Amino acid sequence: MLLKTLIAIVFVAIIASMAAGAGFLLRDDTHSRRLLLSLKIRIALTVLLLALLLYGFFLGGLGD
């Protein structure tokens, strides 16, 4: 149950980072680095989500 909760939290964080990136794209000027930082965070969260999913599938925690 903890693994499924972690996966849901990371997924929601990815969606929030995506929304923040869209806001930065629309509001900021061309010299702002916030959009790049948002992309880096989103990539790191996606890698974490993939690792959690693989961990869950290989250990049988998500096969129920």
N, C-alpha and C. Protein backbone atom coordinates (compact mmCIF):
# COMPACT_ATOMS: atom_id res chain seq x y z
N MET A 1 0.82 -1.19 0.00
CA MET A 1 0.00 0.00 0.00
C MET A 1 0.86 1.26 0.00
N LEU A 2 1.99 1.22 0.70
CA LEU A 2 2.89 2.37 0.74
C LEU A 2 3.47 2.66 -0.64
N LEU A 3 3.80 1.62 -1.38
CA LEU A 3 4.37 1.79 -2.71
C LEU A 3 3.36 2.47 -3.65
N LYS A 4 2.12 2.06 -3.58
CA LYS A 4 1.09 2.67 -4.43
C LYS A 4 0.87 4.13 -4.06
N THR A 5 0.96 4.44 -2.79
CA THR A 5 0.81 5.82 -2.34
C THR A 5 1.98 6.67 -2.84
N LEU A 6 3.20 6.13 -2.76
CA LEU A 6 4.37 6.85 -3.26
C LEU A 6 4.26 7.10 -4.76
N ILE A 7 3.81 6.12 -5.49
CA ILE A 7 3.65 6.27 -6.94
C ILE A 7 2.63 7.36 -7.25
N ALA A 8 1.53 7.39 -6.52
CA ALA A 8 0.50 8.42 -6.73
C ALA A 8 1.04 9.81 -6.40
N ILE A 9 1.81 9.93 -5.34
CA ILE A 9 2.37 11.22 -4.94
C ILE A 9 3.36 11.73 -6.00
N VAL A 10 4.21 10.83 -6.49
CA VAL A 10 5.18 11.23 -7.52
C VAL A 10 4.45 11.62 -8.80
N PHE A 11 3.39 10.91 -9.16
CA PHE A 11 2.63 11.24 -10.35
C PHE A 11 1.99 12.62 -10.23
N VAL A 12 1.42 12.92 -9.08
CA VAL A 12 0.82 14.23 -8.85
C VAL A 12 1.89 15.32 -8.89
N ALA A 13 3.07 15.03 -8.37
CA ALA A 13 4.17 15.99 -8.41
C ALA A 13 4.61 16.26 -9.85
N ILE A 14 4.59 15.24 -10.70
CA ILE A 14 4.93 15.43 -12.11
C ILE A 14 3.91 16.34 -12.78
N ILE A 15 2.64 16.12 -12.49
CA ILE A 15 1.59 16.97 -13.06
C ILE A 15 1.74 18.42 -12.57
N ALA A 16 2.05 18.59 -11.30
CA ALA A 16 2.25 19.94 -10.75
C ALA A 16 3.45 20.63 -11.40
N SER A 17 4.52 19.89 -11.62
CA SER A 17 5.70 20.44 -12.27
C SER A 17 5.39 20.82 -13.71
N MET A 18 4.57 20.02 -14.36
CA MET A 18 4.17 20.33 -15.73
C MET A 18 3.33 21.62 -15.79
N ALA A 19 2.43 21.78 -14.84
CA ALA A 19 1.61 22.98 -14.79
C ALA A 19 2.48 24.21 -14.47
N ALA A 20 3.42 24.05 -13.57
CA ALA A 20 4.32 25.16 -13.25
C ALA A 20 5.16 25.53 -14.46
N GLY A 21 5.64 24.56 -15.19
CA GLY A 21 6.42 24.83 -16.40
C GLY A 21 5.61 25.57 -17.44
N ALA A 22 4.35 25.20 -17.59
CA ALA A 22 3.49 25.90 -18.55
C ALA A 22 3.29 27.36 -18.11
N GLY A 23 3.13 27.56 -16.82
CA GLY A 23 2.99 28.93 -16.31
C GLY A 23 4.25 29.74 -16.52
N PHE A 24 5.40 29.13 -16.29
CA PHE A 24 6.66 29.83 -16.50
C PHE A 24 6.85 30.17 -17.98
N LEU A 25 6.43 29.27 -18.86
CA LEU A 25 6.57 29.49 -20.29
C LEU A 25 5.73 30.69 -20.73
N LEU A 26 4.55 30.83 -20.14
CA LEU A 26 3.66 31.92 -20.55
C LEU A 26 4.02 33.26 -19.92
N ARG A 27 4.57 33.26 -18.69
CA ARG A 27 4.80 34.51 -17.96
C ARG A 27 6.21 35.06 -18.05
N ASP A 28 7.22 34.21 -18.02
CA ASP A 28 8.60 34.68 -17.87
C ASP A 28 9.17 35.22 -19.17
N ASP A 29 10.25 36.00 -19.01
CA ASP A 29 10.95 36.50 -20.18
C ASP A 29 11.90 35.44 -20.72
N THR A 30 12.65 35.79 -21.73
CA THR A 30 13.50 34.79 -22.39
C THR A 30 14.74 34.42 -21.59
N HIS A 31 15.11 35.21 -20.60
CA HIS A 31 16.33 34.94 -19.84
C HIS A 31 16.06 34.19 -18.53
N SER A 32 14.86 33.79 -18.31
CA SER A 32 14.50 33.10 -17.07
C SER A 32 14.94 31.63 -17.13
N ARG A 33 15.43 31.11 -16.02
CA ARG A 33 15.88 29.72 -15.95
C ARG A 33 14.85 28.83 -15.26
N ARG A 34 13.72 29.40 -14.86
CA ARG A 34 12.73 28.61 -14.11
C ARG A 34 12.12 27.50 -14.96
N LEU A 35 11.96 27.75 -16.26
CA LEU A 35 11.42 26.72 -17.14
C LEU A 35 12.38 25.54 -17.24
N LEU A 36 13.66 25.82 -17.35
CA LEU A 36 14.66 24.76 -17.40
C LEU A 36 14.71 23.98 -16.09
N LEU A 37 14.62 24.68 -14.97
CA LEU A 37 14.60 24.01 -13.67
C LEU A 37 13.37 23.12 -13.53
N SER A 38 12.24 23.61 -14.01
CA SER A 38 11.01 22.82 -13.97
C SER A 38 11.16 21.54 -14.80
N LEU A 39 11.79 21.65 -15.95
CA LEU A 39 12.02 20.48 -16.80
C LEU A 39 12.95 19.48 -16.11
N LYS A 40 14.00 19.96 -15.47
CA LYS A 40 14.92 19.08 -14.76
C LYS A 40 14.21 18.34 -13.62
N ILE A 41 13.38 19.06 -12.89
CA ILE A 41 12.63 18.43 -11.80
C ILE A 41 11.67 17.38 -12.36
N ARG A 42 11.01 17.70 -13.46
CA ARG A 42 10.07 16.76 -14.07
C ARG A 42 10.78 15.50 -14.56
N ILE A 43 11.96 15.65 -15.13
CA ILE A 43 12.73 14.48 -15.58
C ILE A 43 13.15 13.63 -14.39
N ALA A 44 13.61 14.26 -13.32
CA ALA A 44 14.01 13.51 -12.12
C ALA A 44 12.82 12.77 -11.51
N LEU A 45 11.66 13.41 -11.47
CA LEU A 45 10.47 12.76 -10.94
C LEU A 45 10.02 11.60 -11.82
N THR A 46 10.16 11.75 -13.13
CA THR A 46 9.80 10.68 -14.05
C THR A 46 10.72 9.47 -13.88
N VAL A 47 12.00 9.73 -13.68
CA VAL A 47 12.95 8.63 -13.44
C VAL A 47 12.60 7.94 -12.12
N LEU A 48 12.26 8.72 -11.11
CA LEU A 48 11.85 8.14 -9.82
C LEU A 48 10.59 7.31 -9.98
N LEU A 49 9.62 7.80 -10.74
CA LEU A 49 8.39 7.06 -10.97
C LEU A 49 8.68 5.74 -11.69
N LEU A 50 9.52 5.78 -12.70
CA LEU A 50 9.89 4.56 -13.42
C LEU A 50 10.58 3.57 -12.49
N ALA A 51 11.48 4.06 -11.64
CA ALA A 51 12.17 3.18 -10.70
C ALA A 51 11.19 2.56 -9.71
N LEU A 52 10.24 3.34 -9.22
CA LEU A 52 9.23 2.80 -8.29
C LEU A 52 8.36 1.75 -8.98
N LEU A 53 7.98 2.00 -10.22
CA LEU A 53 7.16 1.03 -10.95
C LEU A 53 7.92 -0.26 -11.20
N LEU A 54 9.17 -0.15 -11.62
CA LEU A 54 9.97 -1.36 -11.84
C LEU A 54 10.18 -2.12 -10.55
N TYR A 55 10.45 -1.41 -9.48
CA TYR A 55 10.62 -2.04 -8.17
C TYR A 55 9.34 -2.78 -7.78
N GLY A 56 8.21 -2.14 -7.98
CA GLY A 56 6.94 -2.76 -7.63
C GLY A 56 6.61 -3.99 -8.46
N PHE A 57 6.88 -3.93 -9.74
CA PHE A 57 6.58 -5.06 -10.60
C PHE A 57 7.52 -6.24 -10.35
N PHE A 58 8.81 -5.95 -10.18
CA PHE A 58 9.75 -7.04 -9.99
C PHE A 58 9.63 -7.70 -8.64
N LEU A 59 9.21 -6.97 -7.62
CA LEU A 59 9.05 -7.57 -6.30
C LEU A 59 7.62 -8.03 -6.03
N GLY A 60 6.73 -7.80 -6.99
CA GLY A 60 5.38 -8.30 -6.85
C GLY A 60 4.45 -7.43 -6.07
N GLY A 61 4.86 -6.22 -5.72
CA GLY A 61 4.01 -5.34 -4.94
C GLY A 61 2.89 -4.71 -5.73
N LEU A 62 3.01 -4.70 -7.06
CA LEU A 62 1.98 -4.08 -7.88
C LEU A 62 1.20 -5.10 -8.70
N GLY A 63 1.52 -6.34 -8.58
CA GLY A 63 0.86 -7.37 -9.36
C GLY A 63 -0.45 -7.86 -8.75
N ASP A 64 -0.83 -7.33 -7.61
CA ASP A 64 -2.04 -7.78 -6.92
C ASP A 64 -3.29 -7.41 -7.64
